[in-house]
C-alpha atoms as a PDB file:
ATOM      1  CA  MET A   1     130.615 279.315 278.411  1.00  0.00           C
ATOM      2  CA  PRO A   2     129.499 275.756 277.515  1.00  0.00           C
ATOM      3  CA  ASP A   3     132.206 273.416 276.245  1.00  0.00           C
ATOM      4  CA  LYS A   4     131.679 273.028 272.489  1.00  0.00           C
ATOM      5  CA  ASN A   5     133.301 269.585 272.629  1.00  0.00           C
ATOM      6  CA  ILE A   6     130.585 268.252 274.946  1.00  0.00           C
ATOM      7  CA  PHE A   7     127.334 267.177 273.296  1.00  0.00           C
ATOM      8  CA  SER A   8     124.398 268.875 275.029  1.00  0.00           C
ATOM      9  CA  PRO A   9     120.845 267.427 275.106  1.00  0.00           C
ATOM     10  CA  SER A  10     119.917 269.563 272.078  1.00  0.00           C
ATOM     11  CA  ASP A  11     123.023 268.383 270.165  1.00  0.00           C
ATOM     12  CA  ILE A  12     122.055 264.802 270.958  1.00  0.00           C
ATOM     13  CA  GLU A  13     118.485 265.285 269.725  1.00  0.00           C
ATOM     14  CA  ASP A  14     119.792 266.811 266.476  1.00  0.00           C
ATOM     15  CA  GLU A  15     121.990 263.754 265.812  1.00  0.00           C
ATOM     16  CA  VAL A  16     119.152 261.340 266.679  1.00  0.00           C
ATOM     17  CA  ARG A  17     116.815 263.050 264.205  1.00  0.00           C
ATOM     18  CA  ARG A  18     119.437 263.224 261.449  1.00  0.00           C
ATOM     19  CA  ALA A  19     120.391 259.554 261.841  1.00  0.00           C
ATOM     20  CA  GLU A  20     116.759 258.427 261.710  1.00  0.00           C
ATOM     21  CA  ILE A  21     116.095 260.514 258.575  1.00  0.00           C
ATOM     22  CA  GLU A  22     119.285 259.246 256.885  1.00  0.00           C
ATOM     23  CA  GLY A  23     118.616 255.640 257.898  1.00  0.00           C
ATOM     24  CA  ARG A  24     121.958 255.152 259.678  1.00  0.00           C
ATOM     25  CA  GLU A  25     123.170 254.451 263.212  1.00  0.00           C
ATOM     26  CA  ILE A  26     123.218 257.306 265.693  1.00  0.00           C
ATOM     27  CA  ASP A  27     126.927 258.130 265.900  1.00  0.00           C
ATOM     28  CA  PHE A  28     128.468 259.278 269.187  1.00  0.00           C
ATOM     29  CA  ARG A  29     131.591 257.160 268.747  1.00  0.00           C
ATOM     30  CA  GLY A  30     134.458 258.626 270.780  1.00  0.00           C
ATOM     31  CA  LYS A  31     132.371 261.674 271.744  1.00  0.00           C
ATOM     32  CA  VAL A  32     131.786 263.318 275.144  1.00  0.00           C
ATOM     33  CA  LEU A  33     128.117 263.624 276.161  1.00  0.00           C
ATOM     34  CA  SER A  34     126.688 265.582 279.077  1.00  0.00           C
ATOM     35  CA  GLY A  35     124.263 262.685 279.677  1.00  0.00           C
ATOM     36  CA  LEU A  36     121.882 260.622 277.559  1.00  0.00           C
ATOM     37  CA  SER A  37     118.144 260.507 278.227  1.00  0.00           C
ATOM     38  CA  LEU A  38     116.002 258.899 275.521  1.00  0.00           C
ATOM     39  CA  SER A  39     113.203 257.597 277.749  1.00  0.00           C
ATOM     40  CA  GLU A  40     109.694 256.470 276.792  1.00  0.00           C
ATOM     41  CA  ARG A  41     110.078 256.700 273.014  1.00  0.00           C
ATOM     42  CA  THR A  42     110.913 254.682 269.905  1.00  0.00           C
ATOM     43  CA  ILE A  43     114.342 255.070 268.321  1.00  0.00           C
ATOM     44  CA  GLU A  44     114.242 253.817 264.713  1.00  0.00           C
ATOM     45  CA  THR A  45     117.937 252.947 264.472  1.00  0.00           C
ATOM     46  CA  GLY A  46     120.862 251.674 266.580  1.00  0.00           C
ATOM     47  CA  LEU A  47     123.313 253.709 268.647  1.00  0.00           C
ATOM     48  CA  ASP A  48     127.112 253.663 268.415  1.00  0.00           C
ATOM     49  CA  LEU A  49     128.695 255.018 271.607  1.00  0.00           C
ATOM     50  CA  THR A  50     131.954 253.068 271.325  1.00  0.00           C
ATOM     51  CA  ALA A  51     134.726 254.637 273.448  1.00  0.00           C
ATOM     52  CA  SER A  52     132.469 257.562 274.352  1.00  0.00           C
ATOM     53  CA  ILE A  53     132.445 259.386 277.706  1.00  0.00           C
ATOM     54  CA  ILE A  54     129.044 260.106 279.278  1.00  0.00           C
ATOM     55  CA  LEU A  55     129.386 262.631 282.088  1.00  0.00           C
ATOM     56  CA  GLY A  56     126.001 261.859 283.624  1.00  0.00           C
ATOM     57  CA  PRO A  57     123.465 259.033 283.639  1.00  0.00           C
ATOM     58  CA  ILE A  58     122.040 257.131 280.673  1.00  0.00           C
ATOM     59  CA  SER A  59     118.304 256.414 280.642  1.00  0.00           C
ATOM     60  CA  PHE A  60     116.458 254.333 278.049  1.00  0.00           C
ATOM     61  CA  GLU A  61     113.543 253.653 280.400  1.00  0.00           C
ATOM     62  CA  GLY A  62     110.561 252.247 278.499  1.00  0.00           C
ATOM     63  CA  THR A  63     112.286 252.913 275.169  1.00  0.00           C
ATOM     64  CA  THR A  64     112.173 250.732 272.048  1.00  0.00           C
ATOM     65  CA  ILE A  65     115.413 250.777 270.041  1.00  0.00           C
ATOM     66  CA  ASN A  66     115.322 249.208 266.559  1.00  0.00           C
ATOM     67  CA  GLY A  67     118.983 248.274 266.198  1.00  0.00           C
ATOM     68  CA  ASN A  68     122.115 247.496 268.188  1.00  0.00           C
ATOM     69  CA  VAL A  69     123.409 249.569 271.103  1.00  0.00           C
ATOM     70  CA  ASN A  70     127.213 249.626 271.313  1.00  0.00           C
ATOM     71  CA  LEU A  71     128.807 251.101 274.434  1.00  0.00           C
ATOM     72  CA  GLY A  72     132.023 249.069 274.193  1.00  0.00           C
ATOM     73  CA  GLN A  73     134.994 250.724 275.968  1.00  0.00           C
ATOM     74  CA  ALA A  74     132.774 253.625 277.049  1.00  0.00           C
ATOM     75  CA  ILE A  75     133.029 255.449 280.386  1.00  0.00           C
ATOM     76  CA  ILE A  76     129.691 256.194 282.062  1.00  0.00           C
ATOM     77  CA  ARG A  77     130.085 258.590 284.987  1.00  0.00           C
ATOM     78  CA  GLY A  78     126.535 257.912 286.200  1.00  0.00           C
ATOM     79  CA  SER A  79     124.091 255.024 286.055  1.00  0.00           C
ATOM     80  CA  PHE A  80     122.808 253.061 283.052  1.00  0.00           C
ATOM     81  CA  TYR A  81     119.047 252.395 283.137  1.00  0.00           C
ATOM     82  CA  PHE A  82     117.094 250.418 280.541  1.00  0.00           C
ATOM     83  CA  GLY A  83     114.159 249.324 282.698  1.00  0.00           C
ATOM     84  CA  SER A  84     111.200 247.926 280.704  1.00  0.00           C
ATOM     85  CA  GLY A  85     112.926 248.819 277.431  1.00  0.00           C
ATOM     86  CA  ILE A  86     112.945 246.792 274.203  1.00  0.00           C
ATOM     87  CA  LEU A  87     116.085 246.351 272.113  1.00  0.00           C
ATOM     88  CA  ASN A  88     115.705 244.787 268.673  1.00  0.00           C
ATOM     89  CA  GLY A  89     119.394 243.929 268.423  1.00  0.00           C
ATOM     90  CA  ASP A  90     122.522 243.325 270.526  1.00  0.00           C
ATOM     91  CA  LEU A  91     123.599 245.237 273.632  1.00  0.00           C
ATOM     92  CA  ASN A  92     127.373 245.640 273.973  1.00  0.00           C
ATOM     93  CA  LEU A  93     129.032 247.004 277.125  1.00  0.00           C
ATOM     94  CA  ARG A  94     132.270 245.084 276.559  1.00  0.00           C
ATOM     95  CA  GLY A  95     135.124 246.701 278.491  1.00  0.00           C
ATOM     96  CA  THR A  96     132.860 249.517 279.691  1.00  0.00           C
ATOM     97  CA  THR A  97     133.288 251.326 283.018  1.00  0.00           C
ATOM     98  CA  ALA A  98     130.119 252.458 284.811  1.00  0.00           C
ATOM     99  CA  LYS A  99     130.549 254.620 287.916  1.00  0.00           C
ATOM    100  CA  GLY A 100     126.928 253.927 288.892  1.00  0.00           C
ATOM    101  CA  VAL A 101     124.537 250.989 288.754  1.00  0.00           C
ATOM    102  CA  VAL A 102     123.636 249.135 285.549  1.00  0.00           C
ATOM    103  CA  ASN A 103     119.935 248.268 285.654  1.00  0.00           C
ATOM    104  CA  LEU A 104     118.012 246.434 282.915  1.00  0.00           C
ATOM    105  CA  VAL A 105     115.074 245.317 285.079  1.00  0.00           C
ATOM    106  CA  GLY A 106     112.242 243.995 282.911  1.00  0.00           C
ATOM    107  CA  ALA A 107     113.978 244.789 279.608  1.00  0.00           C
ATOM    108  CA  LYS A 108     113.650 242.644 276.464  1.00  0.00           C
ATOM    109  CA  ILE A 109     116.822 242.094 274.417  1.00  0.00           C
ATOM    110  CA  LYS A 110     116.206 240.409 271.057  1.00  0.00           C
ATOM    111  CA  GLY A 111     119.903 239.721 270.387  1.00  0.00           C
ATOM    112  CA  ASN A 112     123.000 238.977 272.472  1.00  0.00           C
ATOM    113  CA  LEU A 113     124.037 240.758 275.644  1.00  0.00           C
ATOM    114  CA  ASN A 114     127.833 241.218 275.817  1.00  0.00           C
ATOM    115  CA  PHE A 115     129.100 242.658 279.112  1.00  0.00           C
ATOM    116  CA  GLU A 116     132.546 240.978 279.040  1.00  0.00           C
ATOM    117  CA  GLY A 117     135.013 242.967 281.150  1.00  0.00           C
ATOM    118  CA  LEU A 118     132.338 245.408 282.370  1.00  0.00           C
ATOM    119  CA  SER A 119     133.218 247.273 285.569  1.00  0.00           C
ATOM    120  CA  VAL A 120     130.287 248.472 287.711  1.00  0.00           C
ATOM    121  CA  THR A 121     130.253 250.503 290.929  1.00  0.00           C
ATOM    122  CA  GLY A 122     126.980 249.525 292.589  1.00  0.00           C
ATOM    123  CA  PHE A 123     124.748 246.672 291.440  1.00  0.00           C
ATOM    124  CA  LEU A 124     124.156 245.016 288.072  1.00  0.00           C
ATOM    125  CA  SER A 125     120.534 243.989 287.550  1.00  0.00           C
ATOM    126  CA  LEU A 126     119.125 241.708 284.875  1.00  0.00           C
ATOM    127  CA  ALA A 127     116.129 240.906 287.097  1.00  0.00           C
ATOM    128  CA  LYS A 128     113.092 239.898 285.002  1.00  0.00           C
ATOM    129  CA  THR A 129     115.122 240.685 281.867  1.00  0.00           C
ATOM    130  CA  LYS A 130     114.422 238.554 278.782  1.00  0.00           C
ATOM    131  CA  VAL A 131     117.329 237.854 276.425  1.00  0.00           C
ATOM    132  CA  GLU A 132     116.579 235.897 273.246  1.00  0.00           C
ATOM    133  CA  ARG A 133     120.193 234.856 272.635  1.00  0.00           C
ATOM    134  CA  ASN A 134     123.315 234.606 274.868  1.00  0.00           C
ATOM    135  CA  VAL A 135     124.530 236.551 277.911  1.00  0.00           C
ATOM    136  CA  ASP A 136     128.279 237.122 278.352  1.00  0.00           C
ATOM    137  CA  LEU A 137     129.337 238.334 281.810  1.00  0.00           C
ATOM    138  CA  ARG A 138     132.903 237.010 281.682  1.00  0.00           C
ATOM    139  CA  GLU A 139     135.502 238.877 283.742  1.00  0.00           C
ATOM    140  CA  ILE A 140     133.075 241.511 285.032  1.00  0.00           C
ATOM    141  CA  LYS A 141     133.825 243.419 288.247  1.00  0.00           C
ATOM    142  CA  VAL A 142     130.901 244.553 290.392  1.00  0.00           C
ATOM    143  CA  ASN A 143     131.976 246.567 293.429  1.00  0.00           C
ATOM    144  CA  ASP A 144     130.156 248.154 296.352  1.00  0.00           C
ATOM    145  CA  SER A 145     129.339 251.842 296.019  1.00  0.00           C
ATOM    146  CA  TYR A 146     129.752 254.334 298.854  1.00  0.00           C
ATOM    147  CA  HIS A 147     127.705 257.510 298.500  1.00  0.00           C
ATOM    148  CA  ALA A 148     126.719 260.047 301.154  1.00  0.00           C
ATOM    149  CA  GLY A 149     127.169 257.514 303.917  1.00  0.00           C
ATOM    150  CA  LEU A 150     125.121 254.850 302.122  1.00  0.00           C
ATOM    151  CA  ILE A 151     126.454 251.564 300.798  1.00  0.00           C
ATOM    152  CA  ILE A 152     125.012 250.116 297.590  1.00  0.00           C
ATOM    153  CA  LYS A 153     126.080 246.484 297.598  1.00  0.00           C
ATOM    154  CA  GLY A 154     127.867 245.186 294.528  1.00  0.00           C
ATOM    155  CA  ASP A 155     125.228 242.551 293.795  1.00  0.00           C
ATOM    156  CA  VAL A 156     124.425 240.849 290.494  1.00  0.00           C
ATOM    157  CA  TYR A 157     120.691 240.204 290.112  1.00  0.00           C
ATOM    158  CA  LEU A 158     119.431 237.597 287.660  1.00  0.00           C
ATOM    159  CA  ARG A 159     116.197 236.995 289.583  1.00  0.00           C
ATOM    160  CA  ARG A 160     113.478 235.702 287.277  1.00  0.00           C
ATOM    161  CA  ALA A 161     115.644 236.477 284.233  1.00  0.00           C
ATOM    162  CA  VAL A 162     114.805 234.487 281.099  1.00  0.00           C
ATOM    163  CA  ILE A 163     117.830 233.748 278.915  1.00  0.00           C
ATOM    164  CA  ALA A 164     117.125 231.620 275.839  1.00  0.00           C
ATOM    165  CA  GLY A 165     120.793 230.863 275.156  1.00  0.00           C
ATOM    166  CA  SER A 166     123.823 230.355 277.399  1.00  0.00           C
ATOM    167  CA  LEU A 167     125.091 232.352 280.382  1.00  0.00           C
ATOM    168  CA  GLU A 168     128.830 232.801 280.984  1.00  0.00           C
ATOM    169  CA  ILE A 169     130.142 234.488 284.142  1.00  0.00           C
ATOM    170  CA  THR A 170     133.640 232.978 284.234  1.00  0.00           C
ATOM    171  CA  ASN A 171     136.463 234.646 286.198  1.00  0.00           C
ATOM    172  CA  SER A 172     134.233 237.465 287.465  1.00  0.00           C
ATOM    173  CA  PHE A 173     134.358 239.329 290.790  1.00  0.00           C
ATOM    174  CA  VAL A 174     131.125 240.125 292.650  1.00  0.00           C
ATOM    175  CA  GLU A 175     131.630 242.052 295.905  1.00  0.00           C
ATOM    176  CA  GLY A 176     128.044 241.358 296.981  1.00  0.00           C
ATOM    177  CA  SER A 177     125.793 238.398 296.092  1.00  0.00           C
ATOM    178  CA  LEU A 178     125.073 236.620 292.808  1.00  0.00           C
ATOM    179  CA  ASP A 179     121.307 236.096 292.864  1.00  0.00           C
ATOM    180  CA  MET A 180     119.806 233.746 290.254  1.00  0.00           C
ATOM    181  CA  LEU A 181     116.570 232.994 292.113  1.00  0.00           C
ATOM    182  CA  ARG A 182     113.991 231.488 289.724  1.00  0.00           C
ATOM    183  CA  ALA A 183     116.030 232.388 286.647  1.00  0.00           C
ATOM    184  CA  PHE A 184     115.551 230.344 283.456  1.00  0.00           C
ATOM    185  CA  ILE A 185     118.536 229.611 281.202  1.00  0.00           C
ATOM    186  CA  GLY A 186     117.908 227.619 278.035  1.00  0.00           C
ATOM    187  CA  GLY A 187     121.565 226.738 277.452  1.00  0.00           C
ATOM    188  CA  LYS A 188     124.620 226.150 279.635  1.00  0.00           C
ATOM    189  CA  VAL A 189     125.660 228.173 282.685  1.00  0.00           C
ATOM    190  CA  ASP A 190     129.419 228.575 283.158  1.00  0.00           C
ATOM    191  CA  LEU A 191     130.488 229.977 286.546  1.00  0.00           C
ATOM    192  CA  ARG A 192     134.097 228.752 286.519  1.00  0.00           C
ATOM    193  CA  GLY A 193     136.438 230.849 288.629  1.00  0.00           C
ATOM    194  CA  VAL A 194     133.760 233.285 289.849  1.00  0.00           C
ATOM    195  CA  ASN A 195     134.574 235.037 293.141  1.00  0.00           C
ATOM    196  CA  VAL A 196     131.350 235.942 295.010  1.00  0.00           C
ATOM    197  CA  GLN A 197     132.083 237.697 298.299  1.00  0.00           C
ATOM    198  CA  ASN A 198     128.622 237.050 299.726  1.00  0.00           C
ATOM    199  CA  PHE A 199     125.838 234.628 298.711  1.00  0.00           C
ATOM    200  CA  LEU A 200     125.549 232.517 295.553  1.00  0.00           C
ATOM    201  CA  ILE A 201     121.802 231.971 295.153  1.00  0.00           C
ATOM    202  CA  LEU A 202     120.728 229.128 292.841  1.00  0.00           C
ATOM    203  CA  LYS A 203     117.359 228.470 294.485  1.00  0.00           C
ATOM    204  CA  GLU A 204     114.692 227.344 291.982  1.00  0.00           C
ATOM    205  CA  THR A 205     117.013 228.211 289.088  1.00  0.00           C
ATOM    206  CA  ASN A 206     115.959 226.345 285.928  1.00  0.00           C
ATOM    207  CA  ILE A 207     119.024 225.501 283.817  1.00  0.00           C
ATOM    208  CA  LYS A 208     118.414 223.371 280.707  1.00  0.00           C
ATOM    209  CA  GLY A 209     122.085 222.908 279.816  1.00  0.00           C
ATOM    210  CA  GLU A 210     125.150 222.046 281.905  1.00  0.00           C
ATOM    211  CA  LEU A 211     126.068 223.958 285.082  1.00  0.00           C
ATOM    212  CA  ASN A 212     129.819 224.404 285.665  1.00  0.00           C
ATOM    213  CA  LEU A 213     130.821 225.432 289.206  1.00  0.00           C
ATOM    214  CA  GLU A 214     134.547 224.649 289.009  1.00  0.00           C
ATOM    215  CA  GLU A 215     136.717 226.805 291.284  1.00  0.00           C
ATOM    216  CA  VAL A 216     133.782 229.019 292.331  1.00  0.00           C
ATOM    217  CA  LYS A 217     134.290 230.981 295.570  1.00  0.00           C
ATOM    218  CA  TYR A 218     131.399 232.177 297.744  1.00  0.00           C
ATOM    219  CA  LYS A 219     130.539 232.856 301.368  1.00  0.00           C
ATOM    220  CA  GLU A 220     127.445 230.636 301.231  1.00  0.00           C
ATOM    221  CA  LEU A 221     125.588 228.677 298.556  1.00  0.00           C
ATOM    222  CA  ILE A 222     121.774 228.837 298.698  1.00  0.00           C
ATOM    223  CA  LYS A 223     120.085 226.126 296.614  1.00  0.00           C
END
């Protein structure tokens, strides 16, 4: 017997359709979802998944979302993928726990990206991601993942990212490398107190504001 308290894919589709018709946010606040796949489509409203539990992966690959996405305090048992997606609002993963990778490669975020206190097992990728406002990665924890004998390094990728505003990564822990190769940041970059277990890569990084490297720890700095 399926658990009636767990939202199935058909339950999720019903709520998406209702919310779009009623002109409100899609509401999964505090709910338990089997997974969440809304790939390659346009969602006409935002999503509220605050304090939700997602038992599988989340995929918004190639999806356009016309609103905010709030996953604050959520638990994601799988990966979070938003590759090549477009978000016409803010993305909030503040205090979220992801048991898999968080990958936004090539996504476009029209608002702010708030990942303060995010915990990731595996890598966090903002490679080639474009953010029109600020990126908050304060106090994140990105740890290596061990799966079937394979190690996924706990790297943070900002390669070729374009961030119009500021970037804050203060007091964060990165078990792998922090890779900002050829990234562009229009505002300040604050790396105070960051602990990078492997390489800190600032090669060809274009920072228009101030760069703060106070009390940063790393194995090697590549500039």
